[in-house]
N, C-alpha and C. Protein backbone atom coordinates (compact mmCIF):
# COMPACT_ATOMS: atom_id res chain seq x y z
N UNK A 1 222.37 67.08 148.88
CA UNK A 1 221.08 67.48 149.35
C UNK A 1 221.24 68.58 150.42
N UNK A 2 220.17 68.92 151.06
CA UNK A 2 220.22 69.98 152.05
C UNK A 2 220.69 69.42 153.38
N UNK A 3 221.79 69.97 153.86
CA UNK A 3 222.35 69.55 155.14
C UNK A 3 222.70 70.79 155.93
N UNK A 4 222.16 70.88 157.13
CA UNK A 4 222.45 72.04 157.98
C UNK A 4 221.97 73.35 157.38
N UNK A 5 220.88 73.29 156.59
CA UNK A 5 220.32 74.49 155.99
C UNK A 5 220.96 74.90 154.68
N UNK A 6 222.07 74.27 154.30
CA UNK A 6 222.75 74.62 153.05
C UNK A 6 222.70 73.44 152.09
N UNK A 7 222.62 73.74 150.81
CA UNK A 7 222.62 72.70 149.80
C UNK A 7 224.04 72.20 149.59
N UNK A 8 224.22 70.92 149.79
CA UNK A 8 225.51 70.27 149.54
C UNK A 8 225.25 69.15 148.56
N UNK A 9 225.95 69.17 147.43
CA UNK A 9 225.74 68.12 146.45
C UNK A 9 226.99 67.28 146.29
N UNK A 10 226.77 66.06 145.88
CA UNK A 10 227.88 65.13 145.66
C UNK A 10 228.52 65.40 144.31
N UNK A 11 229.72 64.87 144.10
CA UNK A 11 230.34 65.01 142.77
C UNK A 11 229.44 64.44 141.66
N UNK A 12 228.74 63.33 141.94
CA UNK A 12 227.83 62.76 140.94
C UNK A 12 226.72 63.76 140.61
N UNK A 13 226.13 64.36 141.62
CA UNK A 13 225.05 65.32 141.40
C UNK A 13 225.55 66.53 140.61
N UNK A 14 226.74 66.99 140.94
CA UNK A 14 227.32 68.14 140.22
C UNK A 14 227.54 67.77 138.75
N UNK A 15 228.08 66.56 138.50
CA UNK A 15 228.33 66.13 137.13
C UNK A 15 227.01 66.00 136.37
N UNK A 16 226.00 65.44 137.02
CA UNK A 16 224.70 65.28 136.38
C UNK A 16 224.11 66.64 136.02
N UNK A 17 224.16 67.60 136.94
CA UNK A 17 223.66 68.95 136.65
C UNK A 17 224.44 69.60 135.51
N UNK A 18 225.74 69.42 135.52
CA UNK A 18 226.57 70.01 134.46
C UNK A 18 226.20 69.40 133.11
N UNK A 19 226.01 68.09 133.07
CA UNK A 19 225.63 67.43 131.82
C UNK A 19 224.29 67.95 131.31
N UNK A 20 223.33 68.11 132.22
CA UNK A 20 222.02 68.65 131.82
C UNK A 20 222.16 70.08 131.31
N UNK A 21 222.97 70.88 131.99
CA UNK A 21 223.19 72.26 131.57
C UNK A 21 223.87 72.32 130.20
N UNK A 22 224.66 71.32 129.89
CA UNK A 22 225.35 71.25 128.60
C UNK A 22 224.46 70.69 127.50
N UNK A 23 223.19 70.42 127.84
CA UNK A 23 222.23 69.98 126.83
C UNK A 23 222.05 68.48 126.70
N UNK A 24 222.68 67.72 127.58
CA UNK A 24 222.51 66.28 127.53
C UNK A 24 221.22 65.89 128.24
N UNK A 25 220.73 64.72 127.93
CA UNK A 25 219.47 64.24 128.50
C UNK A 25 219.72 63.40 129.74
N UNK A 26 218.64 63.11 130.46
CA UNK A 26 218.74 62.22 131.62
C UNK A 26 219.26 60.85 131.18
N UNK A 27 218.86 60.41 129.98
CA UNK A 27 219.36 59.12 129.46
C UNK A 27 220.87 59.19 129.24
N UNK A 28 221.37 60.33 128.76
CA UNK A 28 222.82 60.51 128.59
C UNK A 28 223.53 60.43 129.93
N UNK A 29 222.94 61.08 130.94
CA UNK A 29 223.51 61.06 132.28
C UNK A 29 223.57 59.62 132.80
N UNK A 30 222.47 58.89 132.62
CA UNK A 30 222.43 57.49 133.07
C UNK A 30 223.51 56.67 132.40
N UNK A 31 223.66 56.82 131.08
CA UNK A 31 224.68 56.07 130.34
C UNK A 31 226.08 56.43 130.83
N UNK A 32 226.34 57.71 130.96
CA UNK A 32 227.68 58.19 131.35
C UNK A 32 228.06 57.73 132.76
N UNK A 33 227.07 57.75 133.66
CA UNK A 33 227.36 57.43 135.06
C UNK A 33 227.07 55.97 135.41
N UNK A 34 226.68 55.18 134.41
CA UNK A 34 226.48 53.75 134.62
C UNK A 34 225.30 53.41 135.51
N UNK A 35 224.25 54.19 135.39
CA UNK A 35 223.05 53.97 136.19
C UNK A 35 221.89 53.61 135.29
N UNK A 36 220.86 53.01 135.87
CA UNK A 36 219.66 52.74 135.09
C UNK A 36 218.92 54.07 134.87
N UNK A 37 218.15 54.15 133.80
CA UNK A 37 217.38 55.36 133.51
C UNK A 37 216.38 55.67 134.63
N UNK A 38 215.63 54.66 135.15
CA UNK A 38 214.70 54.98 136.24
C UNK A 38 215.40 55.48 137.50
N UNK A 39 216.54 54.89 137.85
CA UNK A 39 217.27 55.36 139.03
C UNK A 39 217.78 56.78 138.84
N UNK A 40 218.25 57.07 137.64
CA UNK A 40 218.75 58.42 137.35
C UNK A 40 217.61 59.43 137.43
N UNK A 41 216.47 59.09 136.86
CA UNK A 41 215.32 59.98 136.90
C UNK A 41 214.89 60.26 138.34
N UNK A 42 214.87 59.22 139.15
CA UNK A 42 214.49 59.39 140.56
C UNK A 42 215.48 60.28 141.30
N UNK A 43 216.76 60.02 141.12
CA UNK A 43 217.77 60.81 141.81
C UNK A 43 217.77 62.27 141.34
N UNK A 44 217.55 62.49 140.05
CA UNK A 44 217.48 63.87 139.56
C UNK A 44 216.26 64.58 140.13
N UNK A 45 215.14 63.88 140.21
CA UNK A 45 213.93 64.49 140.77
C UNK A 45 214.15 64.87 142.23
N UNK A 46 214.82 64.02 142.98
CA UNK A 46 215.12 64.32 144.39
C UNK A 46 216.06 65.52 144.49
N UNK A 47 217.05 65.58 143.61
CA UNK A 47 217.99 66.71 143.60
C UNK A 47 217.26 68.00 143.24
N UNK A 48 216.42 67.94 142.22
CA UNK A 48 215.67 69.13 141.82
C UNK A 48 214.81 69.63 142.99
N UNK A 49 214.15 68.69 143.67
CA UNK A 49 213.31 69.05 144.81
C UNK A 49 214.11 69.71 145.92
N UNK A 50 215.30 69.18 146.19
CA UNK A 50 216.15 69.76 147.23
C UNK A 50 216.60 71.17 146.86
N UNK A 51 216.66 71.43 145.56
CA UNK A 51 217.06 72.76 145.08
C UNK A 51 215.87 73.70 144.98
N UNK A 52 214.67 73.19 145.26
CA UNK A 52 213.47 74.01 145.15
C UNK A 52 213.02 74.21 143.71
N UNK A 53 213.43 73.29 142.84
CA UNK A 53 213.12 73.39 141.42
C UNK A 53 212.07 72.36 141.04
N UNK A 54 211.13 72.78 140.20
CA UNK A 54 210.11 71.85 139.71
C UNK A 54 210.47 71.30 138.34
N UNK A 55 211.33 71.97 137.62
CA UNK A 55 211.70 71.54 136.28
C UNK A 55 213.22 71.49 136.13
N UNK A 56 213.65 70.84 135.07
CA UNK A 56 215.08 70.77 134.78
C UNK A 56 215.65 72.18 134.56
N UNK A 57 214.92 73.01 133.84
CA UNK A 57 215.39 74.37 133.59
C UNK A 57 215.56 75.16 134.88
N UNK A 58 214.61 75.00 135.81
CA UNK A 58 214.72 75.69 137.10
C UNK A 58 215.91 75.16 137.89
N UNK A 59 216.15 73.86 137.82
CA UNK A 59 217.29 73.27 138.54
C UNK A 59 218.61 73.78 137.99
N UNK A 60 218.70 73.89 136.67
CA UNK A 60 219.93 74.39 136.05
C UNK A 60 220.15 75.85 136.43
N UNK A 61 219.08 76.64 136.39
CA UNK A 61 219.20 78.05 136.78
C UNK A 61 219.61 78.18 138.24
N UNK A 62 219.03 77.36 139.12
CA UNK A 62 219.38 77.40 140.55
C UNK A 62 220.84 76.99 140.75
N UNK A 63 221.27 75.97 140.03
CA UNK A 63 222.66 75.52 140.14
C UNK A 63 223.61 76.60 139.66
N UNK A 64 223.24 77.28 138.59
CA UNK A 64 224.08 78.36 138.07
C UNK A 64 224.17 79.51 139.07
N UNK A 65 223.03 79.88 139.65
CA UNK A 65 223.03 80.96 140.66
C UNK A 65 223.90 80.62 141.86
N UNK A 66 223.96 79.34 142.21
CA UNK A 66 224.75 78.90 143.36
C UNK A 66 226.21 78.64 143.01
N UNK A 67 226.57 78.85 141.76
CA UNK A 67 227.95 78.64 141.34
C UNK A 67 228.34 77.18 141.24
N UNK A 68 227.38 76.32 141.00
CA UNK A 68 227.64 74.88 140.95
C UNK A 68 228.02 74.39 139.56
N UNK A 69 227.89 75.24 138.55
CA UNK A 69 228.17 74.83 137.18
C UNK A 69 229.46 75.47 136.70
N UNK A 70 230.21 74.72 135.93
CA UNK A 70 231.45 75.25 135.37
C UNK A 70 231.12 76.36 134.37
N UNK A 71 230.16 76.10 133.52
CA UNK A 71 229.73 77.10 132.54
C UNK A 71 228.43 76.61 131.94
N UNK A 72 227.40 77.40 132.05
CA UNK A 72 226.11 77.05 131.45
C UNK A 72 225.85 77.99 130.30
N UNK A 73 225.64 77.45 129.13
CA UNK A 73 225.34 78.25 127.96
C UNK A 73 223.86 78.13 127.70
N UNK A 74 223.14 79.20 127.98
CA UNK A 74 221.70 79.22 127.76
C UNK A 74 221.44 80.03 126.50
N UNK A 75 220.82 79.39 125.53
CA UNK A 75 220.58 80.03 124.25
C UNK A 75 219.09 80.16 124.03
N UNK A 76 218.65 81.35 123.71
CA UNK A 76 217.27 81.60 123.36
C UNK A 76 217.21 81.67 121.85
N UNK A 77 216.63 80.66 121.21
CA UNK A 77 216.59 80.58 119.76
C UNK A 77 215.94 81.80 119.13
N UNK A 78 215.01 82.44 119.83
CA UNK A 78 214.32 83.60 119.26
C UNK A 78 215.23 84.80 119.14
N UNK A 79 216.26 84.88 119.96
CA UNK A 79 217.13 86.05 119.93
C UNK A 79 218.54 85.75 119.46
N UNK A 80 218.86 84.47 119.26
CA UNK A 80 220.23 84.14 118.86
C UNK A 80 220.38 84.31 117.35
N UNK A 81 221.58 84.63 116.94
CA UNK A 81 221.89 84.80 115.53
C UNK A 81 222.77 83.66 115.08
N UNK A 82 222.60 83.22 113.84
CA UNK A 82 223.43 82.13 113.34
C UNK A 82 224.83 82.63 112.97
N UNK A 83 224.98 83.92 112.80
CA UNK A 83 226.27 84.47 112.44
C UNK A 83 227.10 84.75 113.69
N UNK A 84 228.34 84.41 113.64
CA UNK A 84 229.27 84.68 114.74
C UNK A 84 229.74 86.12 114.60
N UNK A 85 229.88 86.86 115.70
CA UNK A 85 230.30 88.28 115.62
C UNK A 85 231.59 88.48 114.86
N UNK A 86 232.52 87.53 114.92
CA UNK A 86 233.80 87.70 114.24
C UNK A 86 233.69 87.41 112.76
N UNK A 87 232.54 86.93 112.28
CA UNK A 87 232.35 86.64 110.85
C UNK A 87 232.07 87.89 110.04
N UNK A 88 231.84 89.05 110.70
CA UNK A 88 231.48 90.27 109.99
C UNK A 88 232.66 90.91 109.35
């Protein structure tokens, strides 16, 4: 959370954000981290709020901007192609 004006997140919070960025659901996060779904939802909402995000997408984007994610693959279905560039 925010401490001393800077956002500091725990390893659990970082893992949860990474899982969400990788396309997993809050239920997946709860299962993986051994938490109840309601507790996970509450903790994610608090984390999103601390990041100034109202939605999961905003939280992932904020985490990416802050360098908190190992790698976020954001795909826009409207512009993505099913063919891989090396398939040509």
